[in-house]
Amino acid sequence: MHLKEITLLPEKYPVKNIYPYSLEIFNATGKIVLNKPVTFFTGENGSGKSTLLRAIAHRCGIHLSKSRYRIKGLYLLDEPENALSPKKQLELLKILNESSQAGHAQFIIATHSPILLALPEACIYSFDHIPIKPVQYEETEYYQIYRDFLNDRDKYLKLI
């Protein structure tokens, strides 16, 4: 593993009343343990997941980029599903699975995708809880909404 944990140090933030330093989640969360080859950050927009991803990149001196994921290293992906069809998300899921099993790469991914979140053995952290906490796949709001919609879309279509 390239990174073993993320430690948030609110006492060292330059200010406390300006975004993102003012987010309660960054003040209430002490550590995030990274003990799996793939870690997902999930939560509503504005919850801080992409901000934390950028902070990790900055602290590590790396740039967020698209890559082929075959090179040893740490990969930070910010909502990769935005540019991918469901079929392409499944292809990315396969790449993540193969790369994590090979043990040469570590991924930290901010996502809303229930397809990507389904990766076996990945760790999922929810930014919808304060402090940030690990959750099971079936506990994610994205899984629950997609499951419920696909099981009874008429219930949701009545709301539009």
C-alpha atoms as a PDB file:
ATOM      1  CA  MET A   1       0.000   0.000   0.000  1.00  0.00           C
ATOM      2  CA  HIS A   2       1.230   3.457  -0.826  1.00  0.00           C
ATOM      3  CA  LEU A   3      -0.908   5.289   1.731  1.00  0.00           C
ATOM      4  CA  LYS A   4      -1.918   3.631   4.991  1.00  0.00           C
ATOM      5  CA  GLU A   5      -4.019   6.397   6.504  1.00  0.00           C
ATOM      6  CA  ILE A   6      -5.154   9.963   6.145  1.00  0.00           C
ATOM      7  CA  THR A   7      -4.901  12.100   9.262  1.00  0.00           C
ATOM      8  CA  LEU A   8      -6.939  15.280   9.387  1.00  0.00           C
ATOM      9  CA  LEU A   9      -5.445  17.995  11.582  1.00  0.00           C
ATOM     10  CA  PRO A  10      -8.064  20.736  12.010  1.00  0.00           C
ATOM     11  CA  GLU A  11      -5.851  22.580  14.478  1.00  0.00           C
ATOM     12  CA  LYS A  12      -3.484  23.276  11.545  1.00  0.00           C
ATOM     13  CA  TYR A  13      -6.133  24.622   9.135  1.00  0.00           C
ATOM     14  CA  PRO A  14      -5.290  28.209   8.115  1.00  0.00           C
ATOM     15  CA  VAL A  15      -8.871  29.353   8.838  1.00  0.00           C
ATOM     16  CA  LYS A  16     -11.957  27.752  10.380  1.00  0.00           C
ATOM     17  CA  ASN A  17     -14.803  29.753   8.855  1.00  0.00           C
ATOM     18  CA  ILE A  18     -14.166  29.356   5.117  1.00  0.00           C
ATOM     19  CA  TYR A  19     -14.997  26.362   2.899  1.00  0.00           C
ATOM     20  CA  PRO A  20     -13.663  23.662   2.931  1.00  0.00           C
ATOM     21  CA  TYR A  21     -12.133  24.181   6.382  1.00  0.00           C
ATOM     22  CA  SER A  22     -15.551  25.043   7.769  1.00  0.00           C
ATOM     23  CA  LEU A  23     -17.020  21.647   6.873  1.00  0.00           C
ATOM     24  CA  GLU A  24     -17.888  19.847  10.082  1.00  0.00           C
ATOM     25  CA  ILE A  25     -16.834  16.543   8.533  1.00  0.00           C
ATOM     26  CA  PHE A  26     -13.201  17.727   8.308  1.00  0.00           C
ATOM     27  CA  ASN A  27     -13.246  18.879  11.915  1.00  0.00           C
ATOM     28  CA  ALA A  28     -14.910  15.763  13.372  1.00  0.00           C
ATOM     29  CA  THR A  29     -12.964  13.095  11.466  1.00  0.00           C
ATOM     30  CA  GLY A  30      -9.553  12.247  12.870  1.00  0.00           C
ATOM     31  CA  LYS A  31      -8.240   9.449  10.666  1.00  0.00           C
ATOM     32  CA  ILE A  32      -9.275   7.477   7.622  1.00  0.00           C
ATOM     33  CA  VAL A  33      -7.566   4.089   7.462  1.00  0.00           C
ATOM     34  CA  LEU A  34      -6.562   2.882   3.996  1.00  0.00           C
ATOM     35  CA  ASN A  35      -6.123  -0.869   4.393  1.00  0.00           C
ATOM     36  CA  LYS A  36      -7.475  -2.071   1.026  1.00  0.00           C
ATOM     37  CA  PRO A  37      -6.092  -1.640  -2.497  1.00  0.00           C
ATOM     38  CA  VAL A  38      -9.289   0.219  -3.465  1.00  0.00           C
ATOM     39  CA  THR A  39     -10.984   2.819  -1.259  1.00  0.00           C
ATOM     40  CA  PHE A  40     -14.141   4.672  -2.283  1.00  0.00           C
ATOM     41  CA  PHE A  41     -15.303   8.042  -0.991  1.00  0.00           C
ATOM     42  CA  THR A  42     -19.052   8.417  -1.409  1.00  0.00           C
ATOM     43  CA  GLY A  43     -21.509  11.114  -0.383  1.00  0.00           C
ATOM     44  CA  GLU A  44     -23.573  14.003  -1.622  1.00  0.00           C
ATOM     45  CA  ASN A  45     -22.055  16.754  -3.733  1.00  0.00           C
ATOM     46  CA  GLY A  46     -20.448  19.349  -1.500  1.00  0.00           C
ATOM     47  CA  SER A  47     -19.748  16.839   1.293  1.00  0.00           C
ATOM     48  CA  GLY A  48     -15.976  17.162   0.839  1.00  0.00           C
ATOM     49  CA  LYS A  49     -14.975  13.936  -0.919  1.00  0.00           C
ATOM     50  CA  SER A  50     -13.470  15.586  -4.016  1.00  0.00           C
ATOM     51  CA  THR A  51     -11.862  18.256  -1.840  1.00  0.00           C
ATOM     52  CA  LEU A  52     -10.150  15.577   0.232  1.00  0.00           C
ATOM     53  CA  LEU A  53      -9.063  13.761  -2.934  1.00  0.00           C
ATOM     54  CA  ARG A  54      -7.438  16.974  -4.229  1.00  0.00           C
ATOM     55  CA  ALA A  55      -5.784  17.548  -0.837  1.00  0.00           C
ATOM     56  CA  ILE A  56      -4.290  14.037  -0.943  1.00  0.00           C
ATOM     57  CA  ALA A  57      -2.962  14.694  -4.451  1.00  0.00           C
ATOM     58  CA  HIS A  58      -1.484  18.024  -3.370  1.00  0.00           C
ATOM     59  CA  ARG A  59       0.128  16.551  -0.243  1.00  0.00           C
ATOM     60  CA  CYS A  60       1.599  13.640  -2.213  1.00  0.00           C
ATOM     61  CA  GLY A  61       2.882  15.932  -4.968  1.00  0.00           C
ATOM     62  CA  ILE A  62       0.892  14.172  -7.677  1.00  0.00           C
ATOM     63  CA  HIS A  63      -1.604  15.324 -10.246  1.00  0.00           C
ATOM     64  CA  LEU A  64      -5.067  13.900 -10.867  1.00  0.00           C
ATOM     65  CA  SER A  65      -4.907  12.328 -14.287  1.00  0.00           C
ATOM     66  CA  LYS A  66      -6.310   9.644 -16.512  1.00  0.00           C
ATOM     67  CA  SER A  67      -4.017   6.679 -16.887  1.00  0.00           C
ATOM     68  CA  ARG A  68      -4.033   3.105 -18.012  1.00  0.00           C
ATOM     69  CA  TYR A  69      -3.662   1.904 -14.385  1.00  0.00           C
ATOM     70  CA  ARG A  70      -1.035  -0.651 -15.322  1.00  0.00           C
ATOM     71  CA  ILE A  71       1.876   1.245 -13.791  1.00  0.00           C
ATOM     72  CA  LYS A  72       2.707   0.735 -10.124  1.00  0.00           C
ATOM     73  CA  GLY A  73       1.456   3.620  -8.092  1.00  0.00           C
ATOM     74  CA  LEU A  74      -1.279   5.555  -6.379  1.00  0.00           C
ATOM     75  CA  TYR A  75      -4.286   6.558  -8.487  1.00  0.00           C
ATOM     76  CA  LEU A  76      -6.758   9.236  -7.401  1.00  0.00           C
ATOM     77  CA  LEU A  77      -9.977   9.317  -9.442  1.00  0.00           C
ATOM     78  CA  ASP A  78     -12.649  11.975  -9.038  1.00  0.00           C
ATOM     79  CA  GLU A  79     -16.033  10.668 -10.193  1.00  0.00           C
ATOM     80  CA  PRO A  80     -14.717   8.668 -13.171  1.00  0.00           C
ATOM     81  CA  GLU A  81     -18.257   7.462 -13.926  1.00  0.00           C
ATOM     82  CA  ASN A  82     -19.198  10.934 -15.225  1.00  0.00           C
ATOM     83  CA  ALA A  83     -17.675  10.156 -18.599  1.00  0.00           C
ATOM     84  CA  LEU A  84     -18.501   6.447 -18.680  1.00  0.00           C
ATOM     85  CA  SER A  85     -21.538   4.506 -19.846  1.00  0.00           C
ATOM     86  CA  PRO A  86     -22.656   1.655 -17.559  1.00  0.00           C
ATOM     87  CA  LYS A  87     -20.857  -0.803 -19.863  1.00  0.00           C
ATOM     88  CA  LYS A  88     -17.615   1.197 -19.612  1.00  0.00           C
ATOM     89  CA  GLN A  89     -18.060   1.409 -15.824  1.00  0.00           C
ATOM     90  CA  LEU A  90     -18.113  -2.407 -15.784  1.00  0.00           C
ATOM     91  CA  GLU A  91     -14.872  -2.396 -17.784  1.00  0.00           C
ATOM     92  CA  LEU A  92     -13.324  -0.014 -15.245  1.00  0.00           C
ATOM     93  CA  LEU A  93     -14.593  -2.269 -12.448  1.00  0.00           C
ATOM     94  CA  LYS A  94     -12.727  -5.168 -14.072  1.00  0.00           C
ATOM     95  CA  ILE A  95      -9.529  -3.093 -14.313  1.00  0.00           C
ATOM     96  CA  LEU A  96      -9.837  -2.068 -10.648  1.00  0.00           C
ATOM     97  CA  ASN A  97     -10.365  -5.668  -9.620  1.00  0.00           C
ATOM     98  CA  GLU A  98      -7.403  -6.961 -11.661  1.00  0.00           C
ATOM     99  CA  SER A  99      -5.094  -4.161 -10.508  1.00  0.00           C
ATOM    100  CA  SER A 100      -6.004  -4.555  -6.846  1.00  0.00           C
ATOM    101  CA  GLN A 101      -5.513  -8.320  -6.986  1.00  0.00           C
ATOM    102  CA  ALA A 102      -2.130  -7.872  -8.667  1.00  0.00           C
ATOM    103  CA  GLY A 103      -1.116  -5.669  -5.726  1.00  0.00           C
ATOM    104  CA  HIS A 104       0.764  -3.079  -7.759  1.00  0.00           C
ATOM    105  CA  ALA A 105      -1.658  -0.187  -7.539  1.00  0.00           C
ATOM    106  CA  GLN A 106      -3.727   1.621  -4.922  1.00  0.00           C
ATOM    107  CA  PHE A 107      -6.879   3.532  -5.862  1.00  0.00           C
ATOM    108  CA  ILE A 108      -8.766   6.198  -3.950  1.00  0.00           C
ATOM    109  CA  ILE A 109     -11.941   7.066  -5.824  1.00  0.00           C
ATOM    110  CA  ALA A 110     -14.661   9.641  -5.185  1.00  0.00           C
ATOM    111  CA  THR A 111     -17.832   8.241  -6.759  1.00  0.00           C
ATOM    112  CA  HIS A 112     -21.625   8.101  -6.832  1.00  0.00           C
ATOM    113  CA  SER A 113     -21.645   4.965  -8.992  1.00  0.00           C
ATOM    114  CA  PRO A 114     -23.297   1.873  -7.497  1.00  0.00           C
ATOM    115  CA  ILE A 115     -21.527  -0.114 -10.213  1.00  0.00           C
ATOM    116  CA  LEU A 116     -18.061   0.970  -9.075  1.00  0.00           C
ATOM    117  CA  LEU A 117     -18.988   0.778  -5.393  1.00  0.00           C
ATOM    118  CA  ALA A 118     -19.809  -2.927  -5.884  1.00  0.00           C
ATOM    119  CA  LEU A 119     -16.116  -3.862  -6.151  1.00  0.00           C
ATOM    120  CA  PRO A 120     -15.536  -6.805  -3.796  1.00  0.00           C
ATOM    121  CA  GLU A 121     -13.040  -6.212  -0.984  1.00  0.00           C
ATOM    122  CA  ALA A 122     -13.026  -2.424  -1.479  1.00  0.00           C
ATOM    123  CA  CYS A 123     -13.475  -0.113   1.470  1.00  0.00           C
ATOM    124  CA  ILE A 124     -16.307   2.432   1.195  1.00  0.00           C
ATOM    125  CA  TYR A 125     -16.221   5.601   3.313  1.00  0.00           C
ATOM    126  CA  SER A 126     -19.406   7.643   3.576  1.00  0.00           C
ATOM    127  CA  PHE A 127     -19.074  11.406   3.682  1.00  0.00           C
ATOM    128  CA  ASP A 128     -22.783  11.559   4.552  1.00  0.00           C
ATOM    129  CA  HIS A 129     -21.835  10.770   8.173  1.00  0.00           C
ATOM    130  CA  ILE A 130     -19.956  12.968  10.615  1.00  0.00           C
ATOM    131  CA  PRO A 131     -17.339  11.804  11.259  1.00  0.00           C
ATOM    132  CA  ILE A 132     -16.647   9.999   7.985  1.00  0.00           C
ATOM    133  CA  LYS A 133     -17.307   6.299   8.503  1.00  0.00           C
ATOM    134  CA  PRO A 134     -16.917   3.024   6.624  1.00  0.00           C
ATOM    135  CA  VAL A 135     -20.163   1.525   5.295  1.00  0.00           C
ATOM    136  CA  GLN A 136     -21.198  -1.652   3.537  1.00  0.00           C
ATOM    137  CA  TYR A 137     -22.159  -1.517  -0.134  1.00  0.00           C
ATOM    138  CA  GLU A 138     -25.836  -2.183   0.585  1.00  0.00           C
ATOM    139  CA  GLU A 139     -25.874   0.712   3.094  1.00  0.00           C
ATOM    140  CA  THR A 140     -24.936   3.305   0.476  1.00  0.00           C
ATOM    141  CA  GLU A 141     -27.707   5.622  -0.612  1.00  0.00           C
ATOM    142  CA  TYR A 142     -26.717   5.104  -4.259  1.00  0.00           C
ATOM    143  CA  TYR A 143     -27.195   1.352  -4.080  1.00  0.00           C
ATOM    144  CA  GLN A 144     -30.537   1.766  -2.279  1.00  0.00           C
ATOM    145  CA  ILE A 145     -31.924   4.358  -4.701  1.00  0.00           C
ATOM    146  CA  TYR A 146     -30.932   2.431  -7.828  1.00  0.00           C
ATOM    147  CA  ARG A 147     -32.231  -0.844  -6.372  1.00  0.00           C
ATOM    148  CA  ASP A 148     -35.560   0.720  -5.387  1.00  0.00           C
ATOM    149  CA  PHE A 149     -35.941   2.513  -8.708  1.00  0.00           C
ATOM    150  CA  LEU A 150     -35.258  -0.629 -10.730  1.00  0.00           C
ATOM    151  CA  ASN A 151     -37.623  -2.673  -8.555  1.00  0.00           C
ATOM    152  CA  ASP A 152     -40.496  -0.143  -8.711  1.00  0.00           C
ATOM    153  CA  ARG A 153     -39.837   2.682 -11.154  1.00  0.00           C
ATOM    154  CA  ASP A 154     -43.532   3.630 -11.261  1.00  0.00           C
ATOM    155  CA  LYS A 155     -43.297   4.707  -7.619  1.00  0.00           C
ATOM    156  CA  TYR A 156     -40.599   7.228  -8.595  1.00  0.00           C
ATOM    157  CA  LEU A 157     -42.179   8.270 -11.890  1.00  0.00           C
ATOM    158  CA  LYS A 158     -45.313   9.336 -10.003  1.00  0.00           C
ATOM    159  CA  LEU A 159     -43.158  11.952  -8.269  1.00  0.00           C
ATOM    160  CA  ILE A 160     -42.177  13.761 -11.456  1.00  0.00           C
END
